[in-house]
Amino acid sequence: MFRGFGTALNVVTVLLGSGIGVLLGHRLPARTRDVVTDALGLVTLLVAGLSALAVTDADLRATVGDSAPVLIVLGSLLLGGISGSLLRIEDRLEGFGGWLQTRLSGSGGSADRQRFIEGFVAASLLFCVGPLAILGSLSDGLGNGADQLILKATLDGFAAIAFAASLGWGVAASALTVAVVQGSLTVVGALLGEVLPTPHLAALTATGGLLLVGVGLRLLQIKQVPVGDLLPALIAAPLLTELVVTLR
């Protein structure tokens, strides 16, 4: 398999799943679609919790100390949130979703526009924030195979069916985000020639888990956490880990 195969497959499964979901969504009552979205929110919280448990990773604790992992995640979220809000990442992501909706679906009503944007943003964040997206893309770029991305593509395909049944074609548009983000990480993997050390990866995974909590809260309509503004935390986590290692 060629490098980038995993990302290409992931894009196809998201598009295919979205198409199936839209077809099913038109045949499902609003109450059923809402229940599907709530179920996705609960599952997202489950996945988020499992990822956040990486803060207890033995290698991370041995490298930075027992009390530092939580502080690293906290610092990453604070730095990421400050920089992301100043850069208005959430607003720009939503604006891009609105532009795509206009280009792909016509002007539509305000409700259709908001539904498209929510589907695009929620699906983009869910498909791109997880550790499988980062690890799998880097591993694929290094020439170590696309096994992780093949697994992710399968999971994303089923998730896209459920998402699109409730949120419509905005979920299909997230395939573009998957292609850009995972494609870029695959190129980074090919250029770097090595993956992150285990402790740095654990910090990144734990931070990503908390971002997914925000996605879950949005899906459950509990709080519209600006997860987009927190995305720079994924960069800050390994950098702060390296800083702590250097200072020890």
C-alpha atoms as a PDB file:
ATOM      1  CA  MET A   1       0.000   0.000   0.000  1.00  0.00           C
ATOM      2  CA  PHE A   2       1.202   3.510  -0.807  1.00  0.00           C
ATOM      3  CA  ARG A   3       1.733   6.212   1.777  1.00  0.00           C
ATOM      4  CA  GLY A   4      -1.482   8.128   2.228  1.00  0.00           C
ATOM      5  CA  PHE A   5      -3.653   5.077   1.556  1.00  0.00           C
ATOM      6  CA  GLY A   6      -5.119   5.223   5.074  1.00  0.00           C
ATOM      7  CA  THR A   7      -6.217   8.832   4.676  1.00  0.00           C
ATOM      8  CA  ALA A   8      -7.669   8.173   1.220  1.00  0.00           C
ATOM      9  CA  LEU A   9      -9.664   5.233   2.613  1.00  0.00           C
ATOM     10  CA  ASN A  10     -10.832   7.372   5.536  1.00  0.00           C
ATOM     11  CA  VAL A  11     -12.134  10.053   3.162  1.00  0.00           C
ATOM     12  CA  VAL A  12     -14.047   7.422   1.182  1.00  0.00           C
ATOM     13  CA  THR A  13     -15.646   5.868   4.292  1.00  0.00           C
ATOM     14  CA  VAL A  14     -16.729   9.289   5.595  1.00  0.00           C
ATOM     15  CA  LEU A  15     -18.318  10.173   2.243  1.00  0.00           C
ATOM     16  CA  LEU A  16     -19.960   6.763   1.897  1.00  0.00           C
ATOM     17  CA  GLY A  17     -21.212   6.746   5.472  1.00  0.00           C
ATOM     18  CA  SER A  18     -22.527  10.294   5.109  1.00  0.00           C
ATOM     19  CA  GLY A  19     -24.457   9.382   1.964  1.00  0.00           C
ATOM     20  CA  ILE A  20     -26.054   6.395   3.671  1.00  0.00           C
ATOM     21  CA  GLY A  21     -26.825   8.497   6.728  1.00  0.00           C
ATOM     22  CA  VAL A  22     -28.540  11.238   4.725  1.00  0.00           C
ATOM     23  CA  LEU A  23     -30.673   8.657   2.925  1.00  0.00           C
ATOM     24  CA  LEU A  24     -31.696   7.117   6.240  1.00  0.00           C
ATOM     25  CA  GLY A  25     -32.159  10.498   7.886  1.00  0.00           C
ATOM     26  CA  HIS A  26     -34.914  11.528   5.500  1.00  0.00           C
ATOM     27  CA  ARG A  27     -36.824   8.435   6.548  1.00  0.00           C
ATOM     28  CA  LEU A  28     -36.380   8.900  10.280  1.00  0.00           C
ATOM     29  CA  PRO A  29     -38.525  11.179  12.492  1.00  0.00           C
ATOM     30  CA  ALA A  30     -36.831  14.111  14.230  1.00  0.00           C
ATOM     31  CA  ARG A  31     -37.118  12.384  17.602  1.00  0.00           C
ATOM     32  CA  THR A  32     -35.192   9.368  16.325  1.00  0.00           C
ATOM     33  CA  ARG A  33     -32.474  11.558  14.803  1.00  0.00           C
ATOM     34  CA  ASP A  34     -32.129  13.386  18.118  1.00  0.00           C
ATOM     35  CA  VAL A  35     -31.760  10.090  19.961  1.00  0.00           C
ATOM     36  CA  VAL A  36     -29.040   9.037  17.504  1.00  0.00           C
ATOM     37  CA  THR A  37     -27.145  12.277  18.132  1.00  0.00           C
ATOM     38  CA  ASP A  38     -27.466  11.807  21.903  1.00  0.00           C
ATOM     39  CA  ALA A  39     -26.129   8.270  21.582  1.00  0.00           C
ATOM     40  CA  LEU A  40     -23.158   9.578  19.622  1.00  0.00           C
ATOM     41  CA  GLY A  41     -22.551  12.163  22.308  1.00  0.00           C
ATOM     42  CA  LEU A  42     -22.483   9.480  25.001  1.00  0.00           C
ATOM     43  CA  VAL A  43     -20.130   7.269  22.992  1.00  0.00           C
ATOM     44  CA  THR A  44     -17.904  10.287  22.330  1.00  0.00           C
ATOM     45  CA  LEU A  45     -17.692  10.867  26.092  1.00  0.00           C
ATOM     46  CA  LEU A  46     -16.732   7.205  26.555  1.00  0.00           C
ATOM     47  CA  VAL A  47     -13.941   7.461  23.979  1.00  0.00           C
ATOM     48  CA  ALA A  48     -12.881  10.767  25.519  1.00  0.00           C
ATOM     49  CA  GLY A  49     -12.643   9.215  28.970  1.00  0.00           C
ATOM     50  CA  LEU A  50     -10.524   6.330  27.699  1.00  0.00           C
ATOM     51  CA  SER A  51      -8.165   8.769  25.966  1.00  0.00           C
ATOM     52  CA  ALA A  52      -7.956  11.081  28.978  1.00  0.00           C
ATOM     53  CA  LEU A  53      -6.802   8.137  31.103  1.00  0.00           C
ATOM     54  CA  ALA A  54      -3.466   8.444  29.289  1.00  0.00           C
ATOM     55  CA  VAL A  55      -2.658  11.079  31.921  1.00  0.00           C
ATOM     56  CA  THR A  56      -1.922   8.122  34.214  1.00  0.00           C
ATOM     57  CA  ASP A  57       0.478   6.518  31.698  1.00  0.00           C
ATOM     58  CA  ALA A  58       3.431   4.929  33.508  1.00  0.00           C
ATOM     59  CA  ASP A  59       6.039   6.199  31.031  1.00  0.00           C
ATOM     60  CA  LEU A  60       4.709   9.750  31.303  1.00  0.00           C
ATOM     61  CA  ARG A  61       4.747   9.696  35.103  1.00  0.00           C
ATOM     62  CA  ALA A  62       8.223   8.192  35.190  1.00  0.00           C
ATOM     63  CA  THR A  63       9.526  10.847  32.803  1.00  0.00           C
ATOM     64  CA  VAL A  64       7.965  14.010  34.259  1.00  0.00           C
ATOM     65  CA  GLY A  65       7.034  12.951  37.791  1.00  0.00           C
ATOM     66  CA  ASP A  66       3.809  11.865  39.457  1.00  0.00           C
ATOM     67  CA  SER A  67       2.220  15.312  39.804  1.00  0.00           C
ATOM     68  CA  ALA A  68       3.306  16.845  36.489  1.00  0.00           C
ATOM     69  CA  PRO A  69       1.015  15.023  33.975  1.00  0.00           C
ATOM     70  CA  VAL A  70      -2.174  16.771  35.127  1.00  0.00           C
ATOM     71  CA  LEU A  71      -0.364  20.118  35.207  1.00  0.00           C
ATOM     72  CA  ILE A  72       0.933  19.528  31.669  1.00  0.00           C
ATOM     73  CA  VAL A  73      -2.590  18.855  30.409  1.00  0.00           C
ATOM     74  CA  LEU A  74      -3.906  21.894  32.293  1.00  0.00           C
ATOM     75  CA  GLY A  75      -1.148  24.113  30.921  1.00  0.00           C
ATOM     76  CA  SER A  76      -1.739  22.796  27.411  1.00  0.00           C
ATOM     77  CA  LEU A  77      -5.449  23.597  27.548  1.00  0.00           C
ATOM     78  CA  LEU A  78      -4.800  27.079  28.966  1.00  0.00           C
ATOM     79  CA  LEU A  79      -2.131  27.944  26.400  1.00  0.00           C
ATOM     80  CA  GLY A  80      -4.129  26.338  23.603  1.00  0.00           C
ATOM     81  CA  GLY A  81      -7.333  28.096  24.617  1.00  0.00           C
ATOM     82  CA  ILE A  82      -5.677  31.511  24.846  1.00  0.00           C
ATOM     83  CA  SER A  83      -3.897  31.214  21.500  1.00  0.00           C
ATOM     84  CA  GLY A  84      -6.873  29.594  19.796  1.00  0.00           C
ATOM     85  CA  SER A  85      -9.310  32.251  20.974  1.00  0.00           C
ATOM     86  CA  LEU A  86      -6.955  35.035  19.880  1.00  0.00           C
ATOM     87  CA  LEU A  87      -6.683  33.377  16.466  1.00  0.00           C
ATOM     88  CA  ARG A  88     -10.470  32.838  16.451  1.00  0.00           C
ATOM     89  CA  ILE A  89     -10.058  29.262  15.245  1.00  0.00           C
ATOM     90  CA  GLU A  90     -13.622  28.292  16.184  1.00  0.00           C
ATOM     91  CA  ASP A  91     -15.099  31.261  14.310  1.00  0.00           C
ATOM     92  CA  ARG A  92     -12.908  30.593  11.273  1.00  0.00           C
ATOM     93  CA  LEU A  93     -13.852  26.897  11.249  1.00  0.00           C
ATOM     94  CA  GLU A  94     -17.546  27.759  11.446  1.00  0.00           C
ATOM     95  CA  GLY A  95     -17.089  30.421   8.769  1.00  0.00           C
ATOM     96  CA  PHE A  96     -15.423  27.872   6.515  1.00  0.00           C
ATOM     97  CA  GLY A  97     -18.344  25.521   7.135  1.00  0.00           C
ATOM     98  CA  GLY A  98     -20.783  28.267   6.173  1.00  0.00           C
ATOM     99  CA  TRP A  99     -18.816  29.005   2.986  1.00  0.00           C
ATOM    100  CA  LEU A 100     -18.860  25.311   2.070  1.00  0.00           C
ATOM    101  CA  GLN A 101     -22.591  25.151   2.730  1.00  0.00           C
ATOM    102  CA  THR A 102     -23.170  28.068   0.377  1.00  0.00           C
ATOM    103  CA  ARG A 103     -20.951  26.547  -2.316  1.00  0.00           C
ATOM    104  CA  LEU A 104     -22.267  22.999  -2.056  1.00  0.00           C
ATOM    105  CA  SER A 105     -25.870  23.380  -0.941  1.00  0.00           C
ATOM    106  CA  GLY A 106     -26.975  26.804  -2.100  1.00  0.00           C
ATOM    107  CA  SER A 107     -28.033  29.587   0.207  1.00  0.00           C
ATOM    108  CA  GLY A 108     -30.745  27.664   2.049  1.00  0.00           C
ATOM    109  CA  GLY A 109     -32.522  28.872   5.177  1.00  0.00           C
ATOM    110  CA  SER A 110     -30.839  29.814   8.425  1.00  0.00           C
ATOM    111  CA  ALA A 111     -31.830  26.493  10.015  1.00  0.00           C
ATOM    112  CA  ASP A 112     -30.309  24.525   7.129  1.00  0.00           C
ATOM    113  CA  ARG A 113     -27.164  26.621   7.284  1.00  0.00           C
ATOM    114  CA  GLN A 114     -26.746  26.079  11.037  1.00  0.00           C
ATOM    115  CA  ARG A 115     -27.380  22.353  10.664  1.00  0.00           C
ATOM    116  CA  PHE A 116     -24.757  22.112   7.923  1.00  0.00           C
ATOM    117  CA  ILE A 117     -22.198  24.059   9.973  1.00  0.00           C
ATOM    118  CA  GLU A 118     -22.840  21.984  13.103  1.00  0.00           C
ATOM    119  CA  GLY A 119     -22.456  18.756  11.143  1.00  0.00           C
ATOM    120  CA  PHE A 120     -19.246  19.968   9.513  1.00  0.00           C
ATOM    121  CA  VAL A 121     -17.672  21.287  12.723  1.00  0.00           C
ATOM    122  CA  ALA A 122     -18.708  18.425  15.015  1.00  0.00           C
ATOM    123  CA  ALA A 123     -17.692  15.717  12.539  1.00  0.00           C
ATOM    124  CA  SER A 124     -14.410  17.456  11.658  1.00  0.00           C
ATOM    125  CA  LEU A 125     -13.425  17.701  15.305  1.00  0.00           C
ATOM    126  CA  LEU A 126     -14.476  14.146  16.133  1.00  0.00           C
ATOM    127  CA  PHE A 127     -12.707  12.633  13.122  1.00  0.00           C
ATOM    128  CA  CYS A 128      -9.485  14.640  13.490  1.00  0.00           C
ATOM    129  CA  VAL A 129      -8.847  15.169  17.224  1.00  0.00           C
ATOM    130  CA  GLY A 130      -8.416  11.538  18.321  1.00  0.00           C
ATOM    131  CA  PRO A 131      -5.060   9.845  18.863  1.00  0.00           C
ATOM    132  CA  LEU A 132      -5.697   7.430  16.000  1.00  0.00           C
ATOM    133  CA  ALA A 133      -5.752  10.347  13.539  1.00  0.00           C
ATOM    134  CA  ILE A 134      -2.387  11.631  14.744  1.00  0.00           C
ATOM    135  CA  LEU A 135      -0.623   8.329  15.391  1.00  0.00           C
ATOM    136  CA  GLY A 136      -2.057   6.618  12.353  1.00  0.00           C
ATOM    137  CA  SER A 137      -1.149   9.440   9.991  1.00  0.00           C
ATOM    138  CA  LEU A 138       2.398   9.713  11.318  1.00  0.00           C
ATOM    139  CA  SER A 139       2.855   5.948  11.158  1.00  0.00           C
ATOM    140  CA  ASP A 140       1.532   5.893   7.600  1.00  0.00           C
ATOM    141  CA  GLY A 141       3.941   8.664   6.618  1.00  0.00           C
ATOM    142  CA  LEU A 142       6.852   6.775   8.143  1.00  0.00           C
ATOM    143  CA  GLY A 143       6.062   3.782   5.960  1.00  0.00           C
ATOM    144  CA  ASN A 144       5.027   1.586   8.890  1.00  0.00           C
ATOM    145  CA  GLY A 145       1.681   0.689   7.360  1.00  0.00           C
ATOM    146  CA  ALA A 146      -1.820   2.107   7.522  1.00  0.00           C
ATOM    147  CA  ASP A 147      -3.317  -0.391   9.973  1.00  0.00           C
ATOM    148  CA  GLN A 148      -4.304   2.285  12.495  1.00  0.00           C
ATOM    149  CA  LEU A 149      -5.935   4.478   9.864  1.00  0.00           C
ATOM    150  CA  ILE A 150      -7.783   1.501   8.374  1.00  0.00           C
ATOM    151  CA  LEU A 151      -9.282   0.877  11.820  1.00  0.00           C
ATOM    152  CA  LYS A 152     -10.101   4.579  12.172  1.00  0.00           C
ATOM    153  CA  ALA A 153     -11.645   4.683   8.699  1.00  0.00           C
ATOM    154  CA  THR A 154     -13.973   1.824   9.651  1.00  0.00           C
ATOM    155  CA  LEU A 155     -15.030   3.530  12.881  1.00  0.00           C
ATOM    156  CA  ASP A 156     -15.486   6.896  11.139  1.00  0.00           C
ATOM    157  CA  GLY A 157     -17.628   5.330   8.430  1.00  0.00           C
ATOM    158  CA  PHE A 158     -20.121   3.995  10.960  1.00  0.00           C
ATOM    159  CA  ALA A 159     -20.000   7.258  12.920  1.00  0.00           C
ATOM    160  CA  ALA A 160     -20.654   9.226   9.709  1.00  0.00           C
ATOM    161  CA  ILE A 161     -23.839   7.227   9.101  1.00  0.00           C
ATOM    162  CA  ALA A 162     -25.196   8.157  12.518  1.00  0.00           C
ATOM    163  CA  PHE A 163     -23.991  11.765  12.300  1.00  0.00           C
ATOM    164  CA  ALA A 164     -25.364  12.404   8.816  1.00  0.00           C
ATOM    165  CA  ALA A 165     -28.722  10.864   9.694  1.00  0.00           C
ATOM    166  CA  SER A 166     -29.111  13.708  12.163  1.00  0.00           C
ATOM    167  CA  LEU A 167     -26.895  16.529  10.879  1.00  0.00           C
ATOM    168  CA  GLY A 168     -27.027  16.056   7.097  1.00  0.00           C
ATOM    169  CA  TRP A 169     -24.480  16.873   4.382  1.00  0.00           C
ATOM    170  CA  GLY A 170     -22.220  18.916   6.627  1.00  0.00           C
ATOM    171  CA  VAL A 171     -20.799  15.605   7.824  1.00  0.00           C
ATOM    172  CA  ALA A 172     -19.745  14.734   4.259  1.00  0.00           C
ATOM    173  CA  ALA A 173     -17.930  18.080   4.014  1.00  0.00           C
ATOM    174  CA  SER A 174     -15.774  17.012   6.976  1.00  0.00           C
ATOM    175  CA  ALA A 175     -14.062  14.571   4.583  1.00  0.00           C
ATOM    176  CA  LEU A 176     -12.167  17.614   3.311  1.00  0.00           C
ATOM    177  CA  THR A 177     -10.908  18.329   6.835  1.00  0.00           C
ATOM    178  CA  VAL A 178      -9.874  14.687   7.219  1.00  0.00           C
ATOM    179  CA  ALA A 179      -7.954  14.838   3.941  1.00  0.00           C
ATOM    180  CA  VAL A 180      -6.146  18.063   4.870  1.00  0.00           C
ATOM    181  CA  VAL A 181      -5.345  17.235   8.509  1.00  0.00           C
ATOM    182  CA  GLN A 182      -4.369  13.589   8.091  1.00  0.00           C
ATOM    183  CA  GLY A 183      -2.674  14.225   4.773  1.00  0.00           C
ATOM    184  CA  SER A 184      -0.568  16.962   6.373  1.00  0.00           C
ATOM    185  CA  LEU A 185       0.355  14.717   9.304  1.00  0.00           C
ATOM    186  CA  THR A 186       1.321  11.955   6.893  1.00  0.00           C
ATOM    187  CA  VAL A 187       3.688  14.367   5.150  1.00  0.00           C
ATOM    188  CA  VAL A 188       5.060  15.446   8.550  1.00  0.00           C
ATOM    189  CA  GLY A 189       5.684  11.802   9.437  1.00  0.00           C
ATOM    190  CA  ALA A 190       7.561  11.270   6.188  1.00  0.00           C
ATOM    191  CA  LEU A 191       9.705  14.350   6.860  1.00  0.00           C
ATOM    192  CA  LEU A 192      10.406  13.757  10.538  1.00  0.00           C
ATOM    193  CA  GLY A 193      11.381  10.132  10.181  1.00  0.00           C
ATOM    194  CA  GLU A 194      10.294   9.305  13.708  1.00  0.00           C
ATOM    195  CA  VAL A 195       7.228   9.423  15.919  1.00  0.00           C
ATOM    196  CA  LEU A 196       6.838  11.245  19.204  1.00  0.00           C
ATOM    197  CA  PRO A 197       8.364   9.630  22.311  1.00  0.00           C
ATOM    198  CA  THR A 198       5.889   7.659  24.395  1.00  0.00           C
ATOM    199  CA  PRO A 199       5.569  10.217  27.248  1.00  0.00           C
ATOM    200  CA  HIS A 200       4.932  13.078  24.821  1.00  0.00           C
ATOM    201  CA  LEU A 201       2.335  10.998  23.019  1.00  0.00           C
ATOM    202  CA  ALA A 202       0.588  10.158  26.285  1.00  0.00           C
ATOM    203  CA  ALA A 203       0.312  13.859  27.157  1.00  0.00           C
ATOM    204  CA  LEU A 204      -1.071  14.606  23.703  1.00  0.00           C
ATOM    205  CA  THR A 205      -3.565  11.734  23.937  1.00  0.00           C
ATOM    206  CA  ALA A 206      -4.827  12.848  27.361  1.00  0.00           C
ATOM    207  CA  THR A 207      -5.240  16.414  26.122  1.00  0.00           C
ATOM    208  CA  GLY A 208      -7.075  15.198  23.024  1.00  0.00           C
ATOM    209  CA  GLY A 209      -9.360  13.174  25.275  1.00  0.00           C
ATOM    210  CA  LEU A 210     -10.468  16.306  27.097  1.00  0.00           C
ATOM    211  CA  LEU A 211     -11.116  18.039  23.785  1.00  0.00           C
ATOM    212  CA  LEU A 212     -13.373  15.133  22.871  1.00  0.00           C
ATOM    213  CA  VAL A 213     -15.267  15.710  26.129  1.00  0.00           C
ATOM    214  CA  GLY A 214     -16.055  19.146  24.724  1.00  0.00           C
ATOM    215  CA  VAL A 215     -17.318  17.550  21.502  1.00  0.00           C
ATOM    216  CA  GLY A 216     -19.517  15.189  23.516  1.00  0.00           C
ATOM    217  CA  LEU A 217     -20.992  18.070  25.518  1.00  0.00           C
ATOM    218  CA  ARG A 218     -21.799  19.880  22.266  1.00  0.00           C
ATOM    219  CA  LEU A 219     -23.517  16.825  20.809  1.00  0.00           C
ATOM    220  CA  LEU A 220     -25.582  16.414  23.980  1.00  0.00           C
ATOM    221  CA  GLN A 221     -26.446  20.134  23.838  1.00  0.00           C
ATOM    222  CA  ILE A 222     -25.190  20.599  27.391  1.00  0.00           C
ATOM    223  CA  LYS A 223     -22.700  23.355  26.565  1.00  0.00           C
ATOM    224  CA  GLN A 224     -21.305  24.703  23.299  1.00  0.00           C
ATOM    225  CA  VAL A 225     -17.655  24.316  24.270  1.00  0.00           C
ATOM    226  CA  PRO A 226     -15.457  26.158  21.702  1.00  0.00           C
ATOM    227  CA  VAL A 227     -13.357  23.080  21.022  1.00  0.00           C
ATOM    228  CA  GLY A 228     -11.917  24.632  17.866  1.00  0.00           C
ATOM    229  CA  ASP A 229     -10.256  27.335  19.965  1.00  0.00           C
ATOM    230  CA  LEU A 230      -8.671  24.633  22.130  1.00  0.00           C
ATOM    231  CA  LEU A 231      -7.037  22.745  19.252  1.00  0.00           C
ATOM    232  CA  PRO A 232      -3.599  24.410  19.729  1.00  0.00           C
ATOM    233  CA  ALA A 233      -3.451  22.481  23.023  1.00  0.00           C
ATOM    234  CA  LEU A 234      -2.539  19.413  20.951  1.00  0.00           C
ATOM    235  CA  ILE A 235       0.665  21.194  19.937  1.00  0.00           C
ATOM    236  CA  ALA A 236       1.327  22.572  23.411  1.00  0.00           C
ATOM    237  CA  ALA A 237       1.081  19.180  25.161  1.00  0.00           C
ATOM    238  CA  PRO A 238       4.233  17.529  23.741  1.00  0.00           C
ATOM    239  CA  LEU A 239       6.097  20.862  23.895  1.00  0.00           C
ATOM    240  CA  LEU A 240       5.311  21.289  27.598  1.00  0.00           C
ATOM    241  CA  THR A 241       6.281  17.676  28.210  1.00  0.00           C
ATOM    242  CA  GLU A 242       9.645  18.302  26.593  1.00  0.00           C
ATOM    243  CA  LEU A 243      10.054  21.472  28.673  1.00  0.00           C
ATOM    244  CA  VAL A 244       9.422  19.574  31.916  1.00  0.00           C
ATOM    245  CA  VAL A 245      11.844  16.835  30.870  1.00  0.00           C
ATOM    246  CA  THR A 246      14.513  19.460  30.138  1.00  0.00           C
ATOM    247  CA  LEU A 247      14.014  21.226  33.473  1.00  0.00           C
ATOM    248  CA  ARG A 248      14.103  18.068  35.609  1.00  0.00           C
END
